[in-house]
Amino acid sequence: MEHNTAAVCGTWWRADINVDGTPRGYGVYEVDGNQVKWLYKSAGYPKEHQLHVYQAGSSDEYPSDIIANVWNWDEQWKVEWYENGKRMGEMQRYKGYDPAAKAICSDKEKMKYEWISPVLTEHLFHATPRNKNAKIEVKVTDRFGNVYTEAVENK
């Protein structure tokens, strides 16, 4: 497996996230004999910070949906969502722009460099809430069985 790890500098030291929405950080690898485990460590966050969930209305691609950016995702991860505590199923993966990266990169004065722009990423997921005011929780399970969650309330 090939790993492309996000930059520790974020967006060329202009923002705390990279152009795909991944927080600035680094890879952590644990080797035990012929067994290798890894995770992405976001700088300034605990190791459990493995995703970011956006409320409905944050994305141009899916304006009615909640969006989850699961930056260390691979095909052995599971991405599920819950509405008011009820499991609603797995989220649908799509190729798009992270909402925060898109907003940050559009501020050309802050970015300093004209050539900085958001990039399409394939580690985004979406789901349509039934209740627009529901408490939403996204639960991801990585290939090693570690579970990470993040909640968001739509307003």
N, C-alpha and C. Protein backbone atom coordinates (compact mmCIF):
# COMPACT_ATOMS: atom_id res chain seq x y z
N MET A 1 0.84 -1.18 0.00
CA MET A 1 0.00 0.00 0.00
C MET A 1 0.88 1.24 0.00
N GLU A 2 0.49 2.20 -0.79
CA GLU A 2 1.21 3.48 -0.85
C GLU A 2 0.50 4.48 0.05
N HIS A 3 1.26 5.27 0.79
CA HIS A 3 0.70 6.31 1.66
C HIS A 3 1.15 7.67 1.15
N ASN A 4 0.20 8.54 0.89
CA ASN A 4 0.48 9.94 0.57
C ASN A 4 0.03 10.73 1.79
N THR A 5 0.97 11.20 2.56
CA THR A 5 0.67 11.84 3.83
C THR A 5 0.56 13.35 3.65
N ALA A 6 -0.46 13.94 4.25
CA ALA A 6 -0.67 15.39 4.18
C ALA A 6 0.50 16.12 4.83
N ALA A 7 0.64 17.37 4.46
CA ALA A 7 1.79 18.17 4.91
C ALA A 7 1.63 18.66 6.34
N VAL A 8 2.73 18.67 7.05
CA VAL A 8 2.75 19.20 8.41
C VAL A 8 2.58 20.72 8.40
N CYS A 9 2.82 21.36 7.27
CA CYS A 9 2.71 22.82 7.17
C CYS A 9 1.30 23.28 6.83
N GLY A 10 0.35 22.34 6.65
CA GLY A 10 -0.99 22.75 6.23
C GLY A 10 -0.92 23.27 4.80
N THR A 11 -1.55 24.39 4.56
CA THR A 11 -1.52 24.99 3.22
C THR A 11 -0.37 25.99 3.18
N TRP A 12 0.81 25.49 2.96
CA TRP A 12 2.04 26.29 2.84
C TRP A 12 2.14 27.32 3.96
N TRP A 13 1.87 26.90 5.20
CA TRP A 13 1.92 27.70 6.41
C TRP A 13 0.88 28.82 6.41
N ARG A 14 -0.09 28.78 5.52
CA ARG A 14 -1.12 29.82 5.43
C ARG A 14 -2.41 29.40 6.14
N ALA A 15 -2.58 28.09 6.43
CA ALA A 15 -3.78 27.58 7.09
C ALA A 15 -3.44 26.29 7.82
N ASP A 16 -4.26 25.94 8.81
CA ASP A 16 -4.02 24.73 9.60
C ASP A 16 -4.55 23.46 8.95
N ILE A 17 -5.16 23.61 7.78
CA ILE A 17 -5.57 22.42 7.02
C ILE A 17 -4.90 22.46 5.66
N ASN A 18 -4.85 21.30 5.03
CA ASN A 18 -4.29 21.18 3.69
C ASN A 18 -5.39 21.43 2.66
N VAL A 19 -5.01 21.49 1.39
CA VAL A 19 -5.95 21.84 0.33
C VAL A 19 -7.02 20.77 0.09
N ASP A 20 -6.91 19.60 0.74
CA ASP A 20 -7.97 18.58 0.68
C ASP A 20 -8.77 18.52 1.97
N GLY A 21 -8.51 19.44 2.89
CA GLY A 21 -9.23 19.50 4.15
C GLY A 21 -8.60 18.71 5.29
N THR A 22 -7.53 17.97 5.00
CA THR A 22 -6.83 17.22 6.04
C THR A 22 -6.09 18.20 6.94
N PRO A 23 -6.23 18.07 8.27
CA PRO A 23 -5.47 18.95 9.15
C PRO A 23 -3.96 18.75 8.95
N ARG A 24 -3.22 19.79 9.22
CA ARG A 24 -1.76 19.62 9.14
C ARG A 24 -1.37 18.54 10.13
N GLY A 25 -0.38 17.71 9.79
CA GLY A 25 -0.01 16.62 10.68
C GLY A 25 1.02 15.71 10.05
N TYR A 26 1.02 14.45 10.50
CA TYR A 26 2.06 13.51 10.09
C TYR A 26 1.57 12.08 10.29
N GLY A 27 2.23 11.15 9.63
CA GLY A 27 1.90 9.74 9.77
C GLY A 27 2.63 9.11 10.94
N VAL A 28 1.97 8.21 11.63
CA VAL A 28 2.57 7.45 12.72
C VAL A 28 2.47 5.97 12.35
N TYR A 29 3.61 5.28 12.35
CA TYR A 29 3.65 3.87 11.97
C TYR A 29 4.20 3.05 13.12
N GLU A 30 3.51 1.94 13.42
CA GLU A 30 3.95 1.01 14.45
C GLU A 30 4.28 -0.31 13.78
N VAL A 31 5.50 -0.79 14.01
CA VAL A 31 5.95 -2.04 13.40
C VAL A 31 6.24 -3.04 14.50
N ASP A 32 5.63 -4.23 14.38
CA ASP A 32 5.86 -5.32 15.33
C ASP A 32 6.12 -6.57 14.49
N GLY A 33 7.38 -6.90 14.30
CA GLY A 33 7.73 -8.03 13.43
C GLY A 33 7.32 -7.72 12.01
N ASN A 34 6.42 -8.54 11.44
CA ASN A 34 5.96 -8.27 10.07
C ASN A 34 4.58 -7.60 10.06
N GLN A 35 4.11 -7.13 11.21
CA GLN A 35 2.83 -6.43 11.32
C GLN A 35 3.06 -4.92 11.35
N VAL A 36 2.32 -4.19 10.53
CA VAL A 36 2.44 -2.74 10.49
C VAL A 36 1.05 -2.13 10.70
N LYS A 37 0.98 -1.15 11.59
CA LYS A 37 -0.24 -0.37 11.81
C LYS A 37 0.12 1.09 11.65
N TRP A 38 -0.87 1.88 11.24
CA TRP A 38 -0.61 3.29 11.05
C TRP A 38 -1.84 4.12 11.35
N LEU A 39 -1.59 5.41 11.56
CA LEU A 39 -2.65 6.38 11.69
C LEU A 39 -2.10 7.73 11.29
N TYR A 40 -3.00 8.65 11.02
CA TYR A 40 -2.61 10.02 10.72
C TYR A 40 -2.81 10.83 11.99
N LYS A 41 -1.79 11.53 12.43
CA LYS A 41 -1.84 12.34 13.65
C LYS A 41 -1.95 13.80 13.26
N SER A 42 -3.12 14.38 13.53
CA SER A 42 -3.34 15.80 13.27
C SER A 42 -2.60 16.61 14.34
N ALA A 43 -1.79 17.56 13.91
CA ALA A 43 -1.02 18.39 14.84
C ALA A 43 -1.97 19.18 15.73
N GLY A 44 -1.73 19.11 17.04
CA GLY A 44 -2.53 19.85 18.00
C GLY A 44 -3.82 19.17 18.43
N TYR A 45 -4.05 17.97 17.95
CA TYR A 45 -5.26 17.20 18.30
C TYR A 45 -4.87 15.85 18.88
N PRO A 46 -5.77 15.22 19.63
CA PRO A 46 -5.49 13.85 20.08
C PRO A 46 -5.52 12.90 18.88
N LYS A 47 -4.94 11.71 19.03
CA LYS A 47 -4.87 10.76 17.92
C LYS A 47 -6.25 10.32 17.45
N GLU A 48 -7.28 10.52 18.27
CA GLU A 48 -8.64 10.14 17.90
C GLU A 48 -9.27 11.08 16.87
N HIS A 49 -8.62 12.17 16.57
CA HIS A 49 -9.14 13.14 15.59
C HIS A 49 -8.84 12.62 14.18
N GLN A 50 -9.78 11.84 13.65
CA GLN A 50 -9.58 11.17 12.37
C GLN A 50 -10.59 11.57 11.31
N LEU A 51 -11.48 12.51 11.64
CA LEU A 51 -12.50 12.94 10.69
C LEU A 51 -13.01 14.31 11.09
N HIS A 52 -13.68 14.96 10.14
CA HIS A 52 -14.39 16.19 10.44
C HIS A 52 -15.76 16.10 9.77
N VAL A 53 -16.80 16.45 10.52
CA VAL A 53 -18.17 16.39 10.01
C VAL A 53 -18.70 17.81 9.84
N TYR A 54 -19.28 18.07 8.67
CA TYR A 54 -19.88 19.36 8.36
C TYR A 54 -21.40 19.23 8.36
N GLN A 55 -22.06 20.24 8.88
CA GLN A 55 -23.52 20.22 8.90
C GLN A 55 -24.07 20.37 7.49
N ALA A 56 -25.32 20.00 7.33
CA ALA A 56 -26.00 20.15 6.04
C ALA A 56 -25.93 21.60 5.59
N GLY A 57 -25.74 21.80 4.29
CA GLY A 57 -25.63 23.15 3.74
C GLY A 57 -24.20 23.62 3.57
N SER A 58 -23.23 22.82 3.99
CA SER A 58 -21.82 23.21 3.91
C SER A 58 -21.19 22.93 2.55
N SER A 59 -21.79 22.04 1.79
CA SER A 59 -21.18 21.58 0.54
C SER A 59 -21.96 22.04 -0.68
N ASP A 60 -21.26 22.52 -1.69
CA ASP A 60 -21.90 22.87 -2.97
C ASP A 60 -22.36 21.62 -3.71
N GLU A 61 -21.60 20.52 -3.57
CA GLU A 61 -21.92 19.29 -4.30
C GLU A 61 -23.20 18.63 -3.77
N TYR A 62 -23.37 18.65 -2.44
CA TYR A 62 -24.53 18.03 -1.79
C TYR A 62 -25.08 18.99 -0.74
N PRO A 63 -25.79 20.03 -1.15
CA PRO A 63 -26.22 21.09 -0.21
C PRO A 63 -27.19 20.64 0.87
N SER A 64 -27.90 19.55 0.68
CA SER A 64 -28.85 19.07 1.70
C SER A 64 -28.24 18.04 2.64
N ASP A 65 -26.99 17.68 2.40
CA ASP A 65 -26.37 16.57 3.12
C ASP A 65 -25.34 17.01 4.15
N ILE A 66 -25.17 16.14 5.14
CA ILE A 66 -24.02 16.27 6.03
C ILE A 66 -22.83 15.69 5.26
N ILE A 67 -21.65 16.22 5.57
CA ILE A 67 -20.43 15.80 4.88
C ILE A 67 -19.42 15.36 5.94
N ALA A 68 -18.74 14.26 5.68
CA ALA A 68 -17.65 13.81 6.56
C ALA A 68 -16.37 13.71 5.73
N ASN A 69 -15.33 14.34 6.21
CA ASN A 69 -14.01 14.19 5.60
C ASN A 69 -13.24 13.22 6.50
N VAL A 70 -12.92 12.06 5.97
CA VAL A 70 -12.23 11.00 6.72
C VAL A 70 -10.86 10.84 6.07
N TRP A 71 -9.91 11.66 6.51
CA TRP A 71 -8.67 11.86 5.77
C TRP A 71 -7.74 10.66 5.69
N ASN A 72 -7.79 9.71 6.56
CA ASN A 72 -6.90 8.54 6.46
C ASN A 72 -7.64 7.32 5.93
N TRP A 73 -8.83 7.55 5.37
CA TRP A 73 -9.71 6.49 4.88
C TRP A 73 -9.02 5.62 3.83
N ASP A 74 -9.31 4.32 3.90
CA ASP A 74 -9.01 3.41 2.80
C ASP A 74 -10.19 2.45 2.69
N GLU A 75 -10.17 1.58 1.72
CA GLU A 75 -11.34 0.74 1.42
C GLU A 75 -11.70 -0.24 2.53
N GLN A 76 -10.87 -0.40 3.54
CA GLN A 76 -11.22 -1.27 4.65
C GLN A 76 -11.86 -0.52 5.83
N TRP A 77 -12.05 0.76 5.69
CA TRP A 77 -12.73 1.55 6.71
C TRP A 77 -14.24 1.46 6.50
N LYS A 78 -14.99 1.65 7.58
CA LYS A 78 -16.45 1.72 7.50
C LYS A 78 -16.86 3.11 8.02
N VAL A 79 -17.75 3.78 7.28
CA VAL A 79 -18.20 5.12 7.64
C VAL A 79 -19.72 5.08 7.78
N GLU A 80 -20.20 5.17 9.02
CA GLU A 80 -21.63 5.08 9.32
C GLU A 80 -22.12 6.40 9.91
N TRP A 81 -23.43 6.60 9.84
CA TRP A 81 -23.98 7.81 10.45
C TRP A 81 -25.24 7.50 11.24
N TYR A 82 -25.46 8.36 12.24
CA TYR A 82 -26.58 8.21 13.17
C TYR A 82 -27.34 9.53 13.22
N GLU A 83 -28.67 9.43 13.26
CA GLU A 83 -29.52 10.61 13.39
C GLU A 83 -30.30 10.47 14.69
N ASN A 84 -30.07 11.42 15.59
CA ASN A 84 -30.70 11.39 16.93
C ASN A 84 -30.52 10.02 17.58
N GLY A 85 -29.33 9.45 17.48
CA GLY A 85 -28.99 8.19 18.12
C GLY A 85 -29.36 6.94 17.36
N LYS A 86 -30.08 7.07 16.25
CA LYS A 86 -30.50 5.90 15.46
C LYS A 86 -29.55 5.70 14.28
N ARG A 87 -29.05 4.47 14.14
CA ARG A 87 -28.15 4.17 13.02
C ARG A 87 -28.93 4.27 11.71
N MET A 88 -28.41 5.08 10.79
CA MET A 88 -29.08 5.31 9.52
C MET A 88 -28.42 4.54 8.37
N GLY A 89 -27.21 4.04 8.59
CA GLY A 89 -26.53 3.27 7.54
C GLY A 89 -25.14 3.82 7.26
N GLU A 90 -24.59 3.34 6.16
CA GLU A 90 -23.26 3.80 5.75
C GLU A 90 -23.41 5.04 4.88
N MET A 91 -22.45 5.94 5.00
CA MET A 91 -22.44 7.14 4.18
C MET A 91 -21.89 6.80 2.80
N GLN A 92 -22.24 7.62 1.82
CA GLN A 92 -21.79 7.41 0.44
C GLN A 92 -20.54 8.23 0.17
N ARG A 93 -19.52 7.55 -0.34
CA ARG A 93 -18.26 8.23 -0.67
C ARG A 93 -18.43 8.97 -1.99
N TYR A 94 -17.75 10.11 -2.09
CA TYR A 94 -17.76 10.87 -3.34
C TYR A 94 -16.46 11.65 -3.51
N LYS A 95 -16.23 12.08 -4.71
CA LYS A 95 -15.07 12.90 -5.03
C LYS A 95 -15.53 14.34 -5.07
N GLY A 96 -14.90 15.18 -4.25
CA GLY A 96 -15.32 16.57 -4.20
C GLY A 96 -14.32 17.43 -3.46
N TYR A 97 -14.78 18.61 -3.07
CA TYR A 97 -13.94 19.58 -2.35
C TYR A 97 -14.37 19.66 -0.89
N ASP A 98 -13.40 19.65 0.00
CA ASP A 98 -13.69 19.85 1.41
C ASP A 98 -14.21 21.28 1.58
N PRO A 99 -15.36 21.46 2.26
CA PRO A 99 -15.93 22.81 2.39
C PRO A 99 -14.99 23.84 3.03
N ALA A 100 -14.27 23.46 4.07
CA ALA A 100 -13.37 24.42 4.73
C ALA A 100 -12.18 24.76 3.84
N ALA A 101 -11.62 23.76 3.17
CA ALA A 101 -10.49 24.02 2.27
C ALA A 101 -10.91 24.93 1.12
N LYS A 102 -12.11 24.72 0.62
CA LYS A 102 -12.62 25.55 -0.47
C LYS A 102 -12.76 27.00 0.00
N ALA A 103 -13.30 27.20 1.19
CA ALA A 103 -13.47 28.55 1.73
C ALA A 103 -12.12 29.22 2.00
N ILE A 104 -11.22 28.50 2.62
CA ILE A 104 -9.91 29.07 2.95
C ILE A 104 -9.13 29.42 1.69
N CYS A 105 -9.13 28.53 0.73
CA CYS A 105 -8.35 28.78 -0.50
C CYS A 105 -8.94 29.88 -1.36
N SER A 106 -10.22 30.22 -1.17
CA SER A 106 -10.82 31.29 -1.97
C SER A 106 -10.41 32.67 -1.45
N ASP A 107 -9.86 32.73 -0.23
CA ASP A 107 -9.37 33.99 0.32
C ASP A 107 -7.94 34.21 -0.16
N LYS A 108 -7.81 34.75 -1.35
CA LYS A 108 -6.48 34.90 -1.98
C LYS A 108 -5.57 35.86 -1.23
N GLU A 109 -6.14 36.80 -0.50
CA GLU A 109 -5.31 37.71 0.30
C GLU A 109 -4.62 36.94 1.43
N LYS A 110 -5.37 36.07 2.10
CA LYS A 110 -4.79 35.26 3.17
C LYS A 110 -3.82 34.21 2.62
N MET A 111 -4.16 33.63 1.48
CA MET A 111 -3.34 32.55 0.91
C MET A 111 -2.02 33.07 0.37
N LYS A 112 -1.97 34.34 0.00
CA LYS A 112 -0.76 35.00 -0.47
C LYS A 112 -0.37 34.58 -1.89
N TYR A 113 -0.49 33.29 -2.19
CA TYR A 113 -0.06 32.80 -3.49
C TYR A 113 -1.29 32.53 -4.38
N GLU A 114 -1.28 33.07 -5.59
CA GLU A 114 -2.41 32.91 -6.51
C GLU A 114 -2.68 31.45 -6.87
N TRP A 115 -1.64 30.62 -6.90
CA TRP A 115 -1.77 29.24 -7.38
C TRP A 115 -2.35 28.29 -6.35
N ILE A 116 -2.55 28.72 -5.12
CA ILE A 116 -3.14 27.83 -4.10
C ILE A 116 -4.64 27.71 -4.34
N SER A 117 -5.10 26.49 -4.46
CA SER A 117 -6.54 26.25 -4.63
C SER A 117 -6.88 24.91 -4.01
N PRO A 118 -8.15 24.69 -3.69
CA PRO A 118 -8.53 23.39 -3.11
C PRO A 118 -8.37 22.30 -4.16
N VAL A 119 -8.18 21.07 -3.71
CA VAL A 119 -8.06 19.94 -4.64
C VAL A 119 -9.20 18.97 -4.39
N LEU A 120 -9.57 18.29 -5.47
CA LEU A 120 -10.58 17.22 -5.34
C LEU A 120 -10.00 16.11 -4.50
N THR A 121 -10.81 15.55 -3.63
CA THR A 121 -10.38 14.43 -2.80
C THR A 121 -11.44 13.35 -2.83
N GLU A 122 -11.00 12.13 -2.63
CA GLU A 122 -11.92 10.99 -2.64
C GLU A 122 -12.18 10.45 -1.24
N HIS A 123 -11.82 11.22 -0.20
CA HIS A 123 -12.11 10.75 1.17
C HIS A 123 -13.20 11.60 1.82
N LEU A 124 -14.21 11.95 1.00
CA LEU A 124 -15.39 12.65 1.48
C LEU A 124 -16.60 11.71 1.40
N PHE A 125 -17.53 11.90 2.34
CA PHE A 125 -18.73 11.07 2.42
C PHE A 125 -19.93 11.98 2.67
N HIS A 126 -21.09 11.57 2.17
CA HIS A 126 -22.30 12.38 2.38
C HIS A 126 -23.48 11.49 2.74
N ALA A 127 -24.46 12.12 3.41
CA ALA A 127 -25.73 11.46 3.76
C ALA A 127 -26.77 12.55 3.97
N THR A 128 -28.02 12.23 3.65
CA THR A 128 -29.12 13.19 3.76
C THR A 128 -29.90 12.96 5.04
N PRO A 129 -29.85 13.90 5.98
CA PRO A 129 -30.64 13.75 7.21
C PRO A 129 -32.14 13.83 6.91
N ARG A 130 -32.92 13.06 7.65
CA ARG A 130 -34.38 13.14 7.52
C ARG A 130 -34.92 14.37 8.24
N ASN A 131 -34.29 14.68 9.39
CA ASN A 131 -34.70 15.83 10.20
C ASN A 131 -33.57 16.86 10.15
N LYS A 132 -33.84 18.02 9.57
CA LYS A 132 -32.78 19.02 9.39
C LYS A 132 -32.25 19.56 10.71
N ASN A 133 -32.96 19.37 11.81
CA ASN A 133 -32.52 19.84 13.12
C ASN A 133 -31.98 18.71 14.00
N ALA A 134 -31.75 17.56 13.44
CA ALA A 134 -31.31 16.39 14.20
C ALA A 134 -29.87 16.51 14.66
N LYS A 135 -29.56 15.78 15.72
CA LYS A 135 -28.16 15.61 16.14
C LYS A 135 -27.61 14.47 15.29
N ILE A 136 -26.53 14.74 14.59
CA ILE A 136 -25.91 13.76 13.70
C ILE A 136 -24.58 13.33 14.30
N GLU A 137 -24.34 12.03 14.27
CA GLU A 137 -23.04 11.50 14.69
C GLU A 137 -22.52 10.61 13.57
N VAL A 138 -21.25 10.78 13.25
CA VAL A 138 -20.60 9.92 12.28
C VAL A 138 -19.60 9.06 13.03
N LYS A 139 -19.68 7.77 12.75
CA LYS A 139 -18.81 6.78 13.40
C LYS A 139 -18.00 6.10 12.31
N VAL A 140 -16.68 6.15 12.43
CA VAL A 140 -15.82 5.48 11.46
C VAL A 140 -15.00 4.42 12.18
N THR A 141 -14.82 3.31 11.50
CA THR A 141 -14.02 2.21 12.03
C THR A 141 -12.90 1.96 11.03
N ASP A 142 -11.65 2.06 11.50
CA ASP A 142 -10.53 1.88 10.58
C ASP A 142 -10.22 0.39 10.38
N ARG A 143 -9.28 0.10 9.53
CA ARG A 143 -8.92 -1.28 9.18
C ARG A 143 -8.38 -2.07 10.36
N PHE A 144 -8.01 -1.38 11.46
CA PHE A 144 -7.46 -2.06 12.63
C PHE A 144 -8.50 -2.22 13.74
N GLY A 145 -9.73 -1.80 13.48
CA GLY A 145 -10.80 -1.93 14.46
C GLY A 145 -10.96 -0.74 15.38
N ASN A 146 -10.15 0.29 15.20
CA ASN A 146 -10.29 1.50 16.01
C ASN A 146 -11.52 2.27 15.57
N VAL A 147 -12.28 2.79 16.54
CA VAL A 147 -13.51 3.51 16.25
C VAL A 147 -13.32 4.98 16.64
N TYR A 148 -13.76 5.86 15.73
CA TYR A 148 -13.67 7.30 15.94
C TYR A 148 -15.04 7.90 15.64
N THR A 149 -15.45 8.90 16.43
CA THR A 149 -16.76 9.51 16.21
C THR A 149 -16.65 11.03 16.27
N GLU A 150 -17.60 11.67 15.60
CA GLU A 150 -17.75 13.12 15.71
C GLU A 150 -19.22 13.44 15.51
N ALA A 151 -19.72 14.36 16.30
CA ALA A 151 -21.13 14.75 16.22
C ALA A 151 -21.24 16.18 15.71
N VAL A 152 -22.38 16.47 15.10
CA VAL A 152 -22.68 17.82 14.64
C VAL A 152 -24.18 18.02 14.74
N GLU A 153 -24.59 19.23 15.11
CA GLU A 153 -26.02 19.54 15.15
C GLU A 153 -26.32 20.48 14.00
N ASN A 154 -27.29 20.10 13.20
CA ASN A 154 -27.69 20.95 12.09
C ASN A 154 -28.54 22.10 12.64
N LYS A 155 -28.38 23.25 12.01
CA LYS A 155 -29.12 24.45 12.47
C LYS A 155 -29.84 25.08 11.33
